[in-house]
Amino acid sequence: MTADHGDGPHVRQLLGAYVLDALDDDESAPVARHLQRCGRCAAAYVEVAEAVSLLALLDVEDLLE
């Protein structure tokens, strides 16, 4: 987990990998626990998850334009 301006450990830098299920169990379990108790990181998680969902709607042709 990463430090966030001295406010304690936060997980924002891991959220992309977490949303894509690219973390191993040793990494994803602490992220999941943190998201349950940290409103700021939970809100950031929702934003990342929405962005990933929107990207999934694009075709390769859309990305090349």
PDB file of N, CA and C in Angstrom:
ATOM      1  N   MET A   1       0.843  -1.181   0.000  1.00  0.00           N
ATOM      2  CA  MET A   1       0.000   0.000   0.000  1.00  0.00           C
ATOM      3  C   MET A   1       0.881   1.233   0.000  1.00  0.00           C
ATOM      4  N   THR A   2       0.336   2.309  -0.431  1.00  0.00           N
ATOM      5  CA  THR A   2       1.125   3.519  -0.557  1.00  0.00           C
ATOM      6  C   THR A   2       0.713   4.543   0.483  1.00  0.00           C
ATOM      7  N   ALA A   3       1.646   5.394   0.826  1.00  0.00           N
ATOM      8  CA  ALA A   3       1.334   6.471   1.755  1.00  0.00           C
ATOM      9  C   ALA A   3       0.684   7.613   0.992  1.00  0.00           C
ATOM     10  N   ASP A   4      -0.230   8.288   1.627  1.00  0.00           N
ATOM     11  CA  ASP A   4      -0.944   9.393   0.996  1.00  0.00           C
ATOM     12  C   ASP A   4      -0.776  10.633   1.858  1.00  0.00           C
ATOM     13  N   HIS A   5       0.256  11.396   1.602  1.00  0.00           N
ATOM     14  CA  HIS A   5       0.504  12.664   2.280  1.00  0.00           C
ATOM     15  C   HIS A   5       0.451  12.536   3.797  1.00  0.00           C
ATOM     16  N   GLY A   6       0.956  11.454   4.356  1.00  0.00           N
ATOM     17  CA  GLY A   6       1.017  11.324   5.795  1.00  0.00           C
ATOM     18  C   GLY A   6      -0.292  10.948   6.457  1.00  0.00           C
ATOM     19  N   ASP A   7      -1.326  10.676   5.688  1.00  0.00           N
ATOM     20  CA  ASP A   7      -2.614  10.327   6.264  1.00  0.00           C
ATOM     21  C   ASP A   7      -2.743   8.838   6.548  1.00  0.00           C
ATOM     22  N   GLY A   8      -1.688   8.101   6.463  1.00  0.00           N
ATOM     23  CA  GLY A   8      -1.740   6.660   6.659  1.00  0.00           C
ATOM     24  C   GLY A   8      -1.719   5.939   5.332  1.00  0.00           C
ATOM     25  N   PRO A   9      -1.707   4.621   5.372  1.00  0.00           N
ATOM     26  CA  PRO A   9      -1.623   3.858   4.124  1.00  0.00           C
ATOM     27  C   PRO A   9      -2.922   3.923   3.323  1.00  0.00           C
ATOM     28  N   HIS A  10      -2.774   4.203   2.054  1.00  0.00           N
ATOM     29  CA  HIS A  10      -3.907   4.208   1.131  1.00  0.00           C
ATOM     30  C   HIS A  10      -3.548   3.338  -0.060  1.00  0.00           C
ATOM     31  N   VAL A  11      -4.512   3.020  -0.869  1.00  0.00           N
ATOM     32  CA  VAL A  11      -4.310   2.019  -1.923  1.00  0.00           C
ATOM     33  C   VAL A  11      -4.551   2.557  -3.323  1.00  0.00           C
ATOM     34  N   ARG A  12      -4.592   3.848  -3.492  1.00  0.00           N
ATOM     35  CA  ARG A  12      -4.962   4.423  -4.794  1.00  0.00           C
ATOM     36  C   ARG A  12      -4.090   3.927  -5.940  1.00  0.00           C
ATOM     37  N   GLN A  13      -2.800   3.760  -5.698  1.00  0.00           N
ATOM     38  CA  GLN A  13      -1.919   3.325  -6.784  1.00  0.00           C
ATOM     39  C   GLN A  13      -2.157   1.870  -7.180  1.00  0.00           C
ATOM     40  N   LEU A  14      -2.833   1.114  -6.353  1.00  0.00           N
ATOM     41  CA  LEU A  14      -3.117  -0.291  -6.663  1.00  0.00           C
ATOM     42  C   LEU A  14      -4.508  -0.496  -7.260  1.00  0.00           C
ATOM     43  N   LEU A  15      -5.311   0.553  -7.321  1.00  0.00           N
ATOM     44  CA  LEU A  15      -6.705   0.370  -7.717  1.00  0.00           C
ATOM     45  C   LEU A  15      -6.876  -0.129  -9.144  1.00  0.00           C
ATOM     46  N   GLY A  16      -6.079   0.353 -10.072  1.00  0.00           N
ATOM     47  CA  GLY A  16      -6.196  -0.119 -11.454  1.00  0.00           C
ATOM     48  C   GLY A  16      -5.969  -1.618 -11.548  1.00  0.00           C
ATOM     49  N   ALA A  17      -4.908  -2.075 -10.926  1.00  0.00           N
ATOM     50  CA  ALA A  17      -4.615  -3.513 -10.932  1.00  0.00           C
ATOM     51  C   ALA A  17      -5.679  -4.294 -10.169  1.00  0.00           C
ATOM     52  N   TYR A  18      -6.197  -3.714  -9.094  1.00  0.00           N
ATOM     53  CA  TYR A  18      -7.247  -4.373  -8.310  1.00  0.00           C
ATOM     54  C   TYR A  18      -8.519  -4.533  -9.146  1.00  0.00           C
ATOM     55  N   VAL A  19      -8.925  -3.480  -9.836  1.00  0.00           N
ATOM     56  CA  VAL A  19     -10.127  -3.529 -10.676  1.00  0.00           C
ATOM     57  C   VAL A  19      -9.970  -4.573 -11.774  1.00  0.00           C
ATOM     58  N   LEU A  20      -8.773  -4.678 -12.322  1.00  0.00           N
ATOM     59  CA  LEU A  20      -8.528  -5.644 -13.400  1.00  0.00           C
ATOM     60  C   LEU A  20      -8.229  -7.047 -12.887  1.00  0.00           C
ATOM     61  N   ASP A  21      -8.298  -7.225 -11.565  1.00  0.00           N
ATOM     62  CA  ASP A  21      -8.019  -8.513 -10.919  1.00  0.00           C
ATOM     63  C   ASP A  21      -6.606  -9.000 -11.241  1.00  0.00           C
ATOM     64  N   ALA A  22      -5.664  -8.049 -11.245  1.00  0.00           N
ATOM     65  CA  ALA A  22      -4.289  -8.363 -11.599  1.00  0.00           C
ATOM     66  C   ALA A  22      -3.380  -8.475 -10.372  1.00  0.00           C
ATOM     67  N   LEU A  23      -3.936  -8.362  -9.176  1.00  0.00           N
ATOM     68  CA  LEU A  23      -3.137  -8.499  -7.960  1.00  0.00           C
ATOM     69  C   LEU A  23      -3.227  -9.934  -7.464  1.00  0.00           C
ATOM     70  N   ASP A  24      -2.149 -10.391  -6.835  1.00  0.00           N
ATOM     71  CA  ASP A  24      -2.230 -11.710  -6.227  1.00  0.00           C
ATOM     72  C   ASP A  24      -3.003 -11.596  -4.912  1.00  0.00           C
ATOM     73  N   ASP A  25      -3.324 -12.730  -4.313  1.00  0.00           N
ATOM     74  CA  ASP A  25      -4.144 -12.737  -3.099  1.00  0.00           C
ATOM     75  C   ASP A  25      -3.510 -11.942  -1.960  1.00  0.00           C
ATOM     76  N   ASP A  26      -2.182 -11.996  -1.854  1.00  0.00           N
ATOM     77  CA  ASP A  26      -1.492 -11.266  -0.791  1.00  0.00           C
ATOM     78  C   ASP A  26      -1.631  -9.762  -0.943  1.00  0.00           C
ATOM     79  N   GLU A  27      -1.849  -9.293  -2.163  1.00  0.00           N
ATOM     80  CA  GLU A  27      -2.029  -7.864  -2.407  1.00  0.00           C
ATOM     81  C   GLU A  27      -3.501  -7.462  -2.416  1.00  0.00           C
ATOM     82  N   SER A  28      -4.360  -8.285  -2.977  1.00  0.00           N
ATOM     83  CA  SER A  28      -5.761  -7.881  -3.130  1.00  0.00           C
ATOM     84  C   SER A  28      -6.533  -7.913  -1.811  1.00  0.00           C
ATOM     85  N   ALA A  29      -6.228  -8.826  -0.924  1.00  0.00           N
ATOM     86  CA  ALA A  29      -6.953  -8.892   0.355  1.00  0.00           C
ATOM     87  C   ALA A  29      -6.794  -7.615   1.174  1.00  0.00           C
ATOM     88  N   PRO A  30      -5.575  -7.084   1.339  1.00  0.00           N
ATOM     89  CA  PRO A  30      -5.460  -5.822   2.079  1.00  0.00           C
ATOM     90  C   PRO A  30      -6.149  -4.655   1.371  1.00  0.00           C
ATOM     91  N   VAL A  31      -6.144  -4.653   0.042  1.00  0.00           N
ATOM     92  CA  VAL A  31      -6.826  -3.592  -0.696  1.00  0.00           C
ATOM     93  C   VAL A  31      -8.327  -3.674  -0.408  1.00  0.00           C
ATOM     94  N   ALA A  32      -8.895  -4.864  -0.474  1.00  0.00           N
ATOM     95  CA  ALA A  32     -10.325  -5.039  -0.210  1.00  0.00           C
ATOM     96  C   ALA A  32     -10.683  -4.578   1.203  1.00  0.00           C
ATOM     97  N   ARG A  33      -9.871  -4.939   2.173  1.00  0.00           N
ATOM     98  CA  ARG A  33     -10.128  -4.511   3.552  1.00  0.00           C
ATOM     99  C   ARG A  33     -10.044  -2.993   3.674  1.00  0.00           C
ATOM    100  N   HIS A  34      -9.054  -2.403   3.029  1.00  0.00           N
ATOM    101  CA  HIS A  34      -8.883  -0.958   3.100  1.00  0.00           C
ATOM    102  C   HIS A  34     -10.086  -0.243   2.479  1.00  0.00           C
ATOM    103  N   LEU A  35     -10.578  -0.745   1.352  1.00  0.00           N
ATOM    104  CA  LEU A  35     -11.710  -0.112   0.682  1.00  0.00           C
ATOM    105  C   LEU A  35     -12.971  -0.147   1.540  1.00  0.00           C
ATOM    106  N   GLN A  36     -13.087  -1.124   2.412  1.00  0.00           N
ATOM    107  CA  GLN A  36     -14.250  -1.212   3.292  1.00  0.00           C
ATOM    108  C   GLN A  36     -14.251  -0.125   4.364  1.00  0.00           C
ATOM    109  N   ARG A  37     -13.082   0.404   4.703  1.00  0.00           N
ATOM    110  CA  ARG A  37     -13.030   1.373   5.797  1.00  0.00           C
ATOM    111  C   ARG A  37     -12.585   2.776   5.380  1.00  0.00           C
ATOM    112  N   CYS A  38     -12.199   2.970   4.121  1.00  0.00           N
ATOM    113  CA  CYS A  38     -11.705   4.267   3.678  1.00  0.00           C
ATOM    114  C   CYS A  38     -12.600   4.809   2.571  1.00  0.00           C
ATOM    115  N   GLY A  39     -13.381   5.821   2.900  1.00  0.00           N
ATOM    116  CA  GLY A  39     -14.297   6.392   1.933  1.00  0.00           C
ATOM    117  C   GLY A  39     -13.610   7.035   0.741  1.00  0.00           C
ATOM    118  N   ARG A  40     -12.463   7.677   0.984  1.00  0.00           N
ATOM    119  CA  ARG A  40     -11.749   8.327  -0.127  1.00  0.00           C
ATOM    120  C   ARG A  40     -11.252   7.304  -1.132  1.00  0.00           C
ATOM    121  N   CYS A  41     -10.676   6.230  -0.654  1.00  0.00           N
ATOM    122  CA  CYS A  41     -10.179   5.202  -1.579  1.00  0.00           C
ATOM    123  C   CYS A  41     -11.337   4.456  -2.234  1.00  0.00           C
ATOM    124  N   ALA A  42     -12.440   4.261  -1.503  1.00  0.00           N
ATOM    125  CA  ALA A  42     -13.614   3.600  -2.082  1.00  0.00           C
ATOM    126  C   ALA A  42     -14.182   4.446  -3.219  1.00  0.00           C
ATOM    127  N   ALA A  43     -14.208   5.766  -3.049  1.00  0.00           N
ATOM    128  CA  ALA A  43     -14.685   6.646  -4.116  1.00  0.00           C
ATOM    129  C   ALA A  43     -13.749   6.599  -5.314  1.00  0.00           C
ATOM    130  N   ALA A  44     -12.451   6.558  -5.055  1.00  0.00           N
ATOM    131  CA  ALA A  44     -11.475   6.458  -6.141  1.00  0.00           C
ATOM    132  C   ALA A  44     -11.630   5.117  -6.867  1.00  0.00           C
ATOM    133  N   TYR A  45     -11.920   4.055  -6.124  1.00  0.00           N
ATOM    134  CA  TYR A  45     -12.153   2.734  -6.713  1.00  0.00           C
ATOM    135  C   TYR A  45     -13.330   2.793  -7.702  1.00  0.00           C
ATOM    136  N   VAL A  46     -14.410   3.438  -7.304  1.00  0.00           N
ATOM    137  CA  VAL A  46     -15.588   3.543  -8.171  1.00  0.00           C
ATOM    138  C   VAL A  46     -15.214   4.269  -9.460  1.00  0.00           C
ATOM    139  N   GLU A  47     -14.446   5.336  -9.356  1.00  0.00           N
ATOM    140  CA  GLU A  47     -14.030   6.077 -10.543  1.00  0.00           C
ATOM    141  C   GLU A  47     -13.190   5.211 -11.473  1.00  0.00           C
ATOM    142  N   VAL A  48     -12.249   4.469 -10.906  1.00  0.00           N
ATOM    143  CA  VAL A  48     -11.391   3.599 -11.727  1.00  0.00           C
ATOM    144  C   VAL A  48     -12.227   2.499 -12.364  1.00  0.00           C
ATOM    145  N   ALA A  49     -13.126   1.897 -11.596  1.00  0.00           N
ATOM    146  CA  ALA A  49     -13.962   0.815 -12.122  1.00  0.00           C
ATOM    147  C   ALA A  49     -14.852   1.326 -13.254  1.00  0.00           C
ATOM    148  N   GLU A  50     -15.392   2.543 -13.110  1.00  0.00           N
ATOM    149  CA  GLU A  50     -16.218   3.109 -14.178  1.00  0.00           C
ATOM    150  C   GLU A  50     -15.394   3.367 -15.436  1.00  0.00           C
ATOM    151  N   ALA A  51     -14.182   3.866 -15.265  1.00  0.00           N
ATOM    152  CA  ALA A  51     -13.316   4.129 -16.419  1.00  0.00           C
ATOM    153  C   ALA A  51     -12.982   2.838 -17.147  1.00  0.00           C
ATOM    154  N   VAL A  52     -12.678   1.795 -16.400  1.00  0.00           N
ATOM    155  CA  VAL A  52     -12.362   0.500 -17.013  1.00  0.00           C
ATOM    156  C   VAL A  52     -13.581  -0.028 -17.762  1.00  0.00           C
ATOM    157  N   SER A  53     -14.757   0.132 -17.179  1.00  0.00           N
ATOM    158  CA  SER A  53     -15.981  -0.318 -17.851  1.00  0.00           C
ATOM    159  C   SER A  53     -16.207   0.434 -19.153  1.00  0.00           C
ATOM    160  N   LEU A  54     -15.970   1.732 -19.139  1.00  0.00           N
ATOM    161  CA  LEU A  54     -16.133   2.521 -20.357  1.00  0.00           C
ATOM    162  C   LEU A  54     -15.111   2.141 -21.418  1.00  0.00           C
ATOM    163  N   LEU A  55     -13.889   1.893 -21.017  1.00  0.00           N
ATOM    164  CA  LEU A  55     -12.857   1.486 -21.972  1.00  0.00           C
ATOM    165  C   LEU A  55     -13.205   0.157 -22.637  1.00  0.00           C
ATOM    166  N   ALA A  56     -13.863  -0.713 -21.898  1.00  0.00           N
ATOM    167  CA  ALA A  56     -14.245  -2.015 -22.448  1.00  0.00           C
ATOM    168  C   ALA A  56     -15.260  -1.887 -23.582  1.00  0.00           C
ATOM    169  N   LEU A  57     -15.946  -0.761 -23.641  1.00  0.00           N
ATOM    170  CA  LEU A  57     -16.935  -0.542 -24.699  1.00  0.00           C
ATOM    171  C   LEU A  57     -16.307  -0.128 -26.022  1.00  0.00           C
ATOM    172  N   LEU A  58     -15.048   0.270 -25.997  1.00  0.00           N
ATOM    173  CA  LEU A  58     -14.371   0.746 -27.199  1.00  0.00           C
ATOM    174  C   LEU A  58     -13.832  -0.401 -28.031  1.00  0.00           C
ATOM    175  N   ASP A  59     -13.842  -0.208 -29.341  1.00  0.00           N
ATOM    176  CA  ASP A  59     -13.216  -1.145 -30.262  1.00  0.00           C
ATOM    177  C   ASP A  59     -11.806  -0.650 -30.559  1.00  0.00           C
ATOM    178  N   VAL A  60     -10.988  -1.488 -31.137  1.00  0.00           N
ATOM    179  CA  VAL A  60      -9.641  -1.118 -31.516  1.00  0.00           C
ATOM    180  C   VAL A  60      -9.667   0.084 -32.456  1.00  0.00           C
ATOM    181  N   GLU A  61     -10.624   0.097 -33.366  1.00  0.00           N
ATOM    182  CA  GLU A  61     -10.751   1.201 -34.316  1.00  0.00           C
ATOM    183  C   GLU A  61     -10.997   2.531 -33.590  1.00  0.00           C
ATOM    184  N   ASP A  62     -11.773   2.491 -32.521  1.00  0.00           N
ATOM    185  CA  ASP A  62     -12.040   3.706 -31.732  1.00  0.00           C
ATOM    186  C   ASP A  62     -10.755   4.241 -31.125  1.00  0.00           C
ATOM    187  N   LEU A  63      -9.885   3.379 -30.722  1.00  0.00           N
ATOM    188  CA  LEU A  63      -8.643   3.782 -30.070  1.00  0.00           C
ATOM    189  C   LEU A  63      -7.628   4.340 -31.068  1.00  0.00           C
ATOM    190  N   LEU A  64      -7.733   3.933 -32.334  1.00  0.00           N
ATOM    191  CA  LEU A  64      -6.785   4.371 -33.345  1.00  0.00           C
ATOM    192  C   LEU A  64      -7.191   5.694 -33.969  1.00  0.00           C
ATOM    193  N   GLU A  65      -8.395   6.138 -33.773  1.00  0.00           N
ATOM    194  CA  GLU A  65      -8.865   7.397 -34.370  1.00  0.00           C
ATOM    195  C   GLU A  65      -8.305   8.592 -33.666  1.00  0.00           C
TER     196      GLU A  65
END
